[in-house]
Amino acid sequence: MDETIKQKPRHDKTRLAVFEQDGSGDYKIAGIEVYGGDGLEIVHVVNIEGPLPEIIDEPEEYLDSGFKADVVLDFLRHPDLSEHLVKLCRGKGLPVISAGKRIEGAICPFTCCGLGRSQGLGAYGRRFGLPRYEVEVRQGRIAGMEAIRGASCGATWQVIPRMIGTPIDEAVAKIGREVQFACLTDPSAFDPVTGKSALHFAGEVHQKALEQAIKEALSR
């Protein structure tokens, strides 16, 4: 396992540094602030604006290495900037999450709601990533629902009011649609290897999470 992933935060709160481009991470920042709980604190945000050259030969001109954090979130669009950020983070011994990318040394889930459990991500890893629900079932319908873990954009939580009262035999299909409506990812962006889009992936992982939650509720 990568040594940077093993590192654990040394503070009461998990401190996040966020790097974005033209506001590309704004809705994730908002989701973290609303749904992250008391254990998370965004301490550093860098937003790089304006048109950039196709190739950036000196990315250090855009990214200052002086930031301090426990976990780094990479929402940069330019590959040269993302790769340089990962290099900086490895030098600092910090885990960096670059969802939807393929960068050696970074944690690269297919989507933000595809992040698995990894040591060293502190409260961020406990709260955000592959979704997990707990539900209450009464008379064959969803009577109560709580998100334990989910998407940093907040879609996992935002769909809950629309699920209450749904028959359990319709709920799994419905949550997939509801999450796709709430998800802000580009529906036209298909992964050439899997043939799936991030939007479809988000719907599927929430369907699996609700399916498991219903099974657990019915077994109690």
C-alpha atoms as a PDB file:
ATOM      1  CA  MET A   1       0.000   0.000   0.000  1.00  0.00           C
ATOM      2  CA  ASP A   2       1.201   3.483  -0.776  1.00  0.00           C
ATOM      3  CA  GLU A   3       2.866   5.071   2.254  1.00  0.00           C
ATOM      4  CA  THR A   4       1.042   8.353   1.670  1.00  0.00           C
ATOM      5  CA  ILE A   5      -2.269   6.576   2.177  1.00  0.00           C
ATOM      6  CA  LYS A   6      -1.179   5.129   5.522  1.00  0.00           C
ATOM      7  CA  GLN A   7      -0.605   8.503   7.100  1.00  0.00           C
ATOM      8  CA  LYS A   8      -3.313   9.450   9.605  1.00  0.00           C
ATOM      9  CA  PRO A   9      -4.368  12.992  10.466  1.00  0.00           C
ATOM     10  CA  ARG A  10      -2.830  14.257  13.699  1.00  0.00           C
ATOM     11  CA  HIS A  11      -5.613  16.692  14.562  1.00  0.00           C
ATOM     12  CA  ASP A  12      -9.129  16.548  15.991  1.00  0.00           C
ATOM     13  CA  LYS A  13     -10.470  17.592  12.591  1.00  0.00           C
ATOM     14  CA  THR A  14      -9.431  16.352   9.175  1.00  0.00           C
ATOM     15  CA  ARG A  15      -8.095  19.397   7.335  1.00  0.00           C
ATOM     16  CA  LEU A  16      -8.816  19.567   3.612  1.00  0.00           C
ATOM     17  CA  ALA A  17      -6.970  21.455   0.896  1.00  0.00           C
ATOM     18  CA  VAL A  18      -8.956  21.867  -2.325  1.00  0.00           C
ATOM     19  CA  PHE A  19      -7.525  22.697  -5.744  1.00  0.00           C
ATOM     20  CA  GLU A  20      -9.944  23.652  -8.506  1.00  0.00           C
ATOM     21  CA  GLN A  21     -10.020  25.364 -11.885  1.00  0.00           C
ATOM     22  CA  ASP A  22     -12.568  28.037 -12.772  1.00  0.00           C
ATOM     23  CA  GLY A  23     -14.773  26.932  -9.877  1.00  0.00           C
ATOM     24  CA  SER A  24     -14.764  23.263 -10.955  1.00  0.00           C
ATOM     25  CA  GLY A  25     -15.010  22.048  -7.357  1.00  0.00           C
ATOM     26  CA  ASP A  26     -17.487  24.586  -6.017  1.00  0.00           C
ATOM     27  CA  TYR A  27     -20.459  22.235  -5.722  1.00  0.00           C
ATOM     28  CA  LYS A  28     -18.277  19.600  -4.042  1.00  0.00           C
ATOM     29  CA  ILE A  29     -17.008  22.214  -1.593  1.00  0.00           C
ATOM     30  CA  ALA A  30     -20.604  23.165  -0.836  1.00  0.00           C
ATOM     31  CA  GLY A  31     -21.540  19.506  -0.353  1.00  0.00           C
ATOM     32  CA  ILE A  32     -18.656  18.943   2.038  1.00  0.00           C
ATOM     33  CA  GLU A  33     -19.581  22.016   4.067  1.00  0.00           C
ATOM     34  CA  VAL A  34     -23.239  20.983   4.342  1.00  0.00           C
ATOM     35  CA  TYR A  35     -22.916  17.206   4.802  1.00  0.00           C
ATOM     36  CA  GLY A  36     -19.386  16.688   6.105  1.00  0.00           C
ATOM     37  CA  GLY A  37     -20.150  17.114   9.793  1.00  0.00           C
ATOM     38  CA  ASP A  38     -17.981  18.567  12.527  1.00  0.00           C
ATOM     39  CA  GLY A  39     -14.978  16.362  11.803  1.00  0.00           C
ATOM     40  CA  LEU A  40     -13.996  18.124   8.576  1.00  0.00           C
ATOM     41  CA  GLU A  41     -12.535  21.544   7.934  1.00  0.00           C
ATOM     42  CA  ILE A  42     -11.637  23.086   4.577  1.00  0.00           C
ATOM     43  CA  VAL A  43      -8.535  25.108   5.372  1.00  0.00           C
ATOM     44  CA  HIS A  44      -7.124  25.879   1.936  1.00  0.00           C
ATOM     45  CA  VAL A  45      -8.812  26.504  -1.439  1.00  0.00           C
ATOM     46  CA  VAL A  46      -6.903  27.353  -4.616  1.00  0.00           C
ATOM     47  CA  ASN A  47      -8.927  28.282  -7.691  1.00  0.00           C
ATOM     48  CA  ILE A  48      -6.908  28.739 -10.889  1.00  0.00           C
ATOM     49  CA  GLU A  49      -8.801  30.936 -13.328  1.00  0.00           C
ATOM     50  CA  GLY A  50      -8.553  31.905 -16.946  1.00  0.00           C
ATOM     51  CA  PRO A  51      -7.411  30.192 -20.134  1.00  0.00           C
ATOM     52  CA  LEU A  52      -4.326  28.015 -19.783  1.00  0.00           C
ATOM     53  CA  PRO A  53      -1.817  26.817 -22.374  1.00  0.00           C
ATOM     54  CA  GLU A  54      -2.307  23.318 -23.753  1.00  0.00           C
ATOM     55  CA  ILE A  55       1.016  22.275 -22.231  1.00  0.00           C
ATOM     56  CA  ILE A  56       2.223  23.794 -18.963  1.00  0.00           C
ATOM     57  CA  ASP A  57       5.991  23.434 -18.760  1.00  0.00           C
ATOM     58  CA  GLU A  58       6.314  25.114 -15.360  1.00  0.00           C
ATOM     59  CA  PRO A  59       3.260  24.135 -13.273  1.00  0.00           C
ATOM     60  CA  GLU A  60       4.986  25.364 -10.117  1.00  0.00           C
ATOM     61  CA  GLU A  61       4.116  28.874 -11.289  1.00  0.00           C
ATOM     62  CA  TYR A  62       0.449  28.051 -10.680  1.00  0.00           C
ATOM     63  CA  LEU A  63       0.702  25.873  -7.552  1.00  0.00           C
ATOM     64  CA  ASP A  64       2.352  27.031  -4.344  1.00  0.00           C
ATOM     65  CA  SER A  65       3.804  24.217  -2.236  1.00  0.00           C
ATOM     66  CA  GLY A  66       3.255  26.078   1.054  1.00  0.00           C
ATOM     67  CA  PHE A  67      -0.185  24.643   1.884  1.00  0.00           C
ATOM     68  CA  LYS A  68      -0.859  22.479   4.959  1.00  0.00           C
ATOM     69  CA  ALA A  69      -3.588  19.848   5.159  1.00  0.00           C
ATOM     70  CA  ASP A  70      -4.341  16.219   6.002  1.00  0.00           C
ATOM     71  CA  VAL A  71      -6.127  15.307   2.755  1.00  0.00           C
ATOM     72  CA  VAL A  72      -5.966  17.033  -0.644  1.00  0.00           C
ATOM     73  CA  LEU A  73      -8.824  17.096  -3.165  1.00  0.00           C
ATOM     74  CA  ASP A  74      -7.878  17.574  -6.811  1.00  0.00           C
ATOM     75  CA  PHE A  75     -10.606  19.144  -8.968  1.00  0.00           C
ATOM     76  CA  LEU A  76      -8.148  20.631 -11.447  1.00  0.00           C
ATOM     77  CA  ARG A  77      -8.934  20.072 -15.129  1.00  0.00           C
ATOM     78  CA  HIS A  78      -5.491  20.545 -16.642  1.00  0.00           C
ATOM     79  CA  PRO A  79      -3.514  17.267 -16.505  1.00  0.00           C
ATOM     80  CA  ASP A  80      -0.164  19.010 -16.062  1.00  0.00           C
ATOM     81  CA  LEU A  81      -1.456  20.811 -12.989  1.00  0.00           C
ATOM     82  CA  SER A  82      -2.990  17.666 -11.501  1.00  0.00           C
ATOM     83  CA  GLU A  83       0.187  15.674 -11.996  1.00  0.00           C
ATOM     84  CA  HIS A  84       2.273  18.413 -10.401  1.00  0.00           C
ATOM     85  CA  LEU A  85      -0.138  18.617  -7.463  1.00  0.00           C
ATOM     86  CA  VAL A  86       0.191  14.878  -6.879  1.00  0.00           C
ATOM     87  CA  LYS A  87       3.976  15.235  -6.977  1.00  0.00           C
ATOM     88  CA  LEU A  88       3.807  17.996  -4.365  1.00  0.00           C
ATOM     89  CA  CYS A  89       1.528  15.901  -2.155  1.00  0.00           C
ATOM     90  CA  ARG A  90       3.791  12.867  -2.353  1.00  0.00           C
ATOM     91  CA  GLY A  91       6.661  15.077  -1.233  1.00  0.00           C
ATOM     92  CA  LYS A  92       4.590  16.175   1.749  1.00  0.00           C
ATOM     93  CA  GLY A  93       3.364  12.663   2.528  1.00  0.00           C
ATOM     94  CA  LEU A  94      -0.247  13.662   1.882  1.00  0.00           C
ATOM     95  CA  PRO A  95      -2.981  11.584   0.240  1.00  0.00           C
ATOM     96  CA  VAL A  96      -4.555  13.289  -2.767  1.00  0.00           C
ATOM     97  CA  ILE A  97      -7.883  12.238  -4.263  1.00  0.00           C
ATOM     98  CA  SER A  98      -8.187  12.780  -8.021  1.00  0.00           C
ATOM     99  CA  ALA A  99     -11.567  11.337  -8.966  1.00  0.00           C
ATOM    100  CA  GLY A 100     -12.070  10.386 -12.590  1.00  0.00           C
ATOM    101  CA  LYS A 101      -8.362  10.547 -13.427  1.00  0.00           C
ATOM    102  CA  ARG A 102      -5.463   8.131 -13.764  1.00  0.00           C
ATOM    103  CA  ILE A 103      -2.437   9.577 -11.999  1.00  0.00           C
ATOM    104  CA  GLU A 104       0.247   7.459 -10.401  1.00  0.00           C
ATOM    105  CA  GLY A 105       0.515   8.209  -6.700  1.00  0.00           C
ATOM    106  CA  ALA A 106      -3.031   9.558  -6.349  1.00  0.00           C
ATOM    107  CA  ILE A 107      -6.228   7.891  -5.178  1.00  0.00           C
ATOM    108  CA  CYS A 108      -8.329   7.825  -8.343  1.00  0.00           C
ATOM    109  CA  PRO A 109     -11.889   6.502  -7.927  1.00  0.00           C
ATOM    110  CA  PHE A 110     -14.104   6.568 -11.005  1.00  0.00           C
ATOM    111  CA  THR A 111     -16.289   9.194  -9.298  1.00  0.00           C
ATOM    112  CA  CYS A 112     -16.296  10.894  -5.907  1.00  0.00           C
ATOM    113  CA  CYS A 113     -19.048   8.479  -4.809  1.00  0.00           C
ATOM    114  CA  GLY A 114     -16.827   5.583  -5.932  1.00  0.00           C
ATOM    115  CA  LEU A 115     -14.154   6.215  -3.291  1.00  0.00           C
ATOM    116  CA  GLY A 116     -13.485   3.060  -1.285  1.00  0.00           C
ATOM    117  CA  ARG A 117     -12.271   2.856   2.280  1.00  0.00           C
ATOM    118  CA  SER A 118      -8.616   3.859   2.655  1.00  0.00           C
ATOM    119  CA  GLN A 119      -6.540   4.444   5.760  1.00  0.00           C
ATOM    120  CA  GLY A 120      -5.290   7.967   6.244  1.00  0.00           C
ATOM    121  CA  LEU A 121      -8.318   9.843   4.879  1.00  0.00           C
ATOM    122  CA  GLY A 122      -9.712  10.573   8.329  1.00  0.00           C
ATOM    123  CA  ALA A 123     -13.202  12.011   8.626  1.00  0.00           C
ATOM    124  CA  TYR A 124     -13.358  12.612   4.874  1.00  0.00           C
ATOM    125  CA  GLY A 125     -13.001   8.908   4.111  1.00  0.00           C
ATOM    126  CA  ARG A 126     -15.548   7.990   6.768  1.00  0.00           C
ATOM    127  CA  ARG A 127     -18.149  10.432   5.464  1.00  0.00           C
ATOM    128  CA  PHE A 128     -17.617  10.491   1.701  1.00  0.00           C
ATOM    129  CA  GLY A 129     -17.219   7.783  -0.923  1.00  0.00           C
ATOM    130  CA  LEU A 130     -19.185   4.659  -1.773  1.00  0.00           C
ATOM    131  CA  PRO A 131     -22.655   5.348  -0.344  1.00  0.00           C
ATOM    132  CA  ARG A 132     -24.171   3.605   2.622  1.00  0.00           C
ATOM    133  CA  TYR A 133     -27.764   3.956   3.792  1.00  0.00           C
ATOM    134  CA  GLU A 134     -29.792   2.841   6.766  1.00  0.00           C
ATOM    135  CA  VAL A 135     -33.536   2.557   6.206  1.00  0.00           C
ATOM    136  CA  GLU A 136     -36.687   1.798   8.112  1.00  0.00           C
ATOM    137  CA  VAL A 137     -39.356  -0.247   6.330  1.00  0.00           C
ATOM    138  CA  ARG A 138     -43.010  -0.205   7.349  1.00  0.00           C
ATOM    139  CA  GLN A 139     -45.850  -1.854   5.456  1.00  0.00           C
ATOM    140  CA  GLY A 140     -43.618  -2.497   2.480  1.00  0.00           C
ATOM    141  CA  ARG A 141     -42.522   1.111   2.071  1.00  0.00           C
ATOM    142  CA  ILE A 142     -39.492   3.242   2.936  1.00  0.00           C
ATOM    143  CA  ALA A 143     -40.548   4.919   6.199  1.00  0.00           C
ATOM    144  CA  GLY A 144     -37.211   6.367   7.228  1.00  0.00           C
ATOM    145  CA  MET A 145     -33.829   6.779   5.595  1.00  0.00           C
ATOM    146  CA  GLU A 146     -30.415   8.033   6.704  1.00  0.00           C
ATOM    147  CA  ALA A 147     -27.207   8.433   4.717  1.00  0.00           C
ATOM    148  CA  ILE A 148     -24.139   7.278   6.637  1.00  0.00           C
ATOM    149  CA  ARG A 149     -21.695   7.864   3.789  1.00  0.00           C
ATOM    150  CA  GLY A 150     -22.051   9.230   0.290  1.00  0.00           C
ATOM    151  CA  ALA A 151     -21.160  11.579  -2.532  1.00  0.00           C
ATOM    152  CA  SER A 152     -19.300  14.771  -1.691  1.00  0.00           C
ATOM    153  CA  CYS A 153     -21.645  16.669  -4.026  1.00  0.00           C
ATOM    154  CA  GLY A 154     -24.452  15.865  -1.582  1.00  0.00           C
ATOM    155  CA  ALA A 155     -26.677  13.878  -3.965  1.00  0.00           C
ATOM    156  CA  THR A 156     -26.759  10.927  -1.528  1.00  0.00           C
ATOM    157  CA  TRP A 157     -28.523  13.109   1.042  1.00  0.00           C
ATOM    158  CA  GLN A 158     -30.548  15.270  -1.323  1.00  0.00           C
ATOM    159  CA  VAL A 159     -32.601  12.369  -2.709  1.00  0.00           C
ATOM    160  CA  ILE A 160     -33.774  11.089   0.685  1.00  0.00           C
ATOM    161  CA  PRO A 161     -36.974  13.204   0.953  1.00  0.00           C
ATOM    162  CA  ARG A 162     -38.124  11.897  -2.428  1.00  0.00           C
ATOM    163  CA  MET A 163     -37.603   8.288  -1.342  1.00  0.00           C
ATOM    164  CA  ILE A 164     -39.779   8.360   1.768  1.00  0.00           C
ATOM    165  CA  GLY A 165     -43.030   6.486   1.159  1.00  0.00           C
ATOM    166  CA  THR A 166     -41.705   4.632  -1.887  1.00  0.00           C
ATOM    167  CA  PRO A 167     -42.657   0.907  -2.083  1.00  0.00           C
ATOM    168  CA  ILE A 168     -39.543  -1.178  -1.516  1.00  0.00           C
ATOM    169  CA  ASP A 169     -40.031  -3.066  -4.782  1.00  0.00           C
ATOM    170  CA  GLU A 170     -39.756   0.258  -6.634  1.00  0.00           C
ATOM    171  CA  ALA A 171     -37.189   1.979  -4.433  1.00  0.00           C
ATOM    172  CA  VAL A 172     -33.952   0.608  -5.902  1.00  0.00           C
ATOM    173  CA  ALA A 173     -34.810   1.629  -9.457  1.00  0.00           C
ATOM    174  CA  LYS A 174     -36.138   4.985  -8.280  1.00  0.00           C
ATOM    175  CA  ILE A 175     -33.044   6.007  -6.338  1.00  0.00           C
ATOM    176  CA  GLY A 176     -30.872   5.400  -9.395  1.00  0.00           C
ATOM    177  CA  ARG A 177     -32.968   7.883 -11.367  1.00  0.00           C
ATOM    178  CA  GLU A 178     -33.149  10.408  -8.533  1.00  0.00           C
ATOM    179  CA  VAL A 179     -29.387  10.403  -8.001  1.00  0.00           C
ATOM    180  CA  GLN A 180     -28.787  10.911 -11.705  1.00  0.00           C
ATOM    181  CA  PHE A 181     -31.113  13.928 -11.640  1.00  0.00           C
ATOM    182  CA  ALA A 182     -29.212  15.379  -8.658  1.00  0.00           C
ATOM    183  CA  CYS A 183     -25.729  14.531  -9.953  1.00  0.00           C
ATOM    184  CA  LEU A 184     -23.932  17.371 -11.724  1.00  0.00           C
ATOM    185  CA  THR A 185     -21.390  15.272 -13.600  1.00  0.00           C
ATOM    186  CA  ASP A 186     -21.226  15.428 -17.390  1.00  0.00           C
ATOM    187  CA  PRO A 187     -23.597  12.710 -18.735  1.00  0.00           C
ATOM    188  CA  SER A 188     -21.752  12.608 -22.059  1.00  0.00           C
ATOM    189  CA  ALA A 189     -18.392  11.700 -20.492  1.00  0.00           C
ATOM    190  CA  PHE A 190     -17.987   7.956 -21.067  1.00  0.00           C
ATOM    191  CA  ASP A 191     -15.005   5.950 -19.884  1.00  0.00           C
ATOM    192  CA  PRO A 192     -13.516   4.213 -22.950  1.00  0.00           C
ATOM    193  CA  VAL A 193     -12.488   1.127 -20.941  1.00  0.00           C
ATOM    194  CA  THR A 194     -15.713   0.358 -19.072  1.00  0.00           C
ATOM    195  CA  GLY A 195     -18.107   2.011 -21.503  1.00  0.00           C
ATOM    196  CA  LYS A 196     -19.872   3.649 -18.540  1.00  0.00           C
ATOM    197  CA  SER A 197     -20.417   7.289 -17.767  1.00  0.00           C
ATOM    198  CA  ALA A 198     -19.852   8.768 -14.321  1.00  0.00           C
ATOM    199  CA  LEU A 199     -23.573   9.556 -14.194  1.00  0.00           C
ATOM    200  CA  HIS A 200     -24.565   5.916 -14.723  1.00  0.00           C
ATOM    201  CA  PHE A 201     -21.955   4.772 -12.228  1.00  0.00           C
ATOM    202  CA  ALA A 202     -23.328   7.140  -9.581  1.00  0.00           C
ATOM    203  CA  GLY A 203     -26.824   5.783 -10.080  1.00  0.00           C
ATOM    204  CA  GLU A 204     -25.657   2.184  -9.835  1.00  0.00           C
ATOM    205  CA  VAL A 205     -23.644   2.533  -6.622  1.00  0.00           C
ATOM    206  CA  HIS A 206     -26.596   4.216  -4.910  1.00  0.00           C
ATOM    207  CA  GLN A 207     -28.904   1.465  -6.112  1.00  0.00           C
ATOM    208  CA  LYS A 208     -26.605  -1.159  -4.602  1.00  0.00           C
ATOM    209  CA  ALA A 209     -26.376   0.800  -1.352  1.00  0.00           C
ATOM    210  CA  LEU A 210     -30.148   1.043  -0.994  1.00  0.00           C
ATOM    211  CA  GLU A 211     -30.641  -2.594  -1.962  1.00  0.00           C
ATOM    212  CA  GLN A 212     -28.266  -3.623   0.835  1.00  0.00           C
ATOM    213  CA  ALA A 213     -29.941  -1.283   3.318  1.00  0.00           C
ATOM    214  CA  ILE A 214     -33.376  -2.729   2.553  1.00  0.00           C
ATOM    215  CA  LYS A 215     -32.066  -6.266   3.038  1.00  0.00           C
ATOM    216  CA  GLU A 216     -30.631  -5.307   6.395  1.00  0.00           C
ATOM    217  CA  ALA A 217     -33.860  -3.613   7.437  1.00  0.00           C
ATOM    218  CA  LEU A 218     -35.979  -6.638   6.509  1.00  0.00           C
ATOM    219  CA  SER A 219     -33.665  -8.993   8.395  1.00  0.00           C
ATOM    220  CA  ARG A 220     -33.959  -7.101  11.673  1.00  0.00           C
END
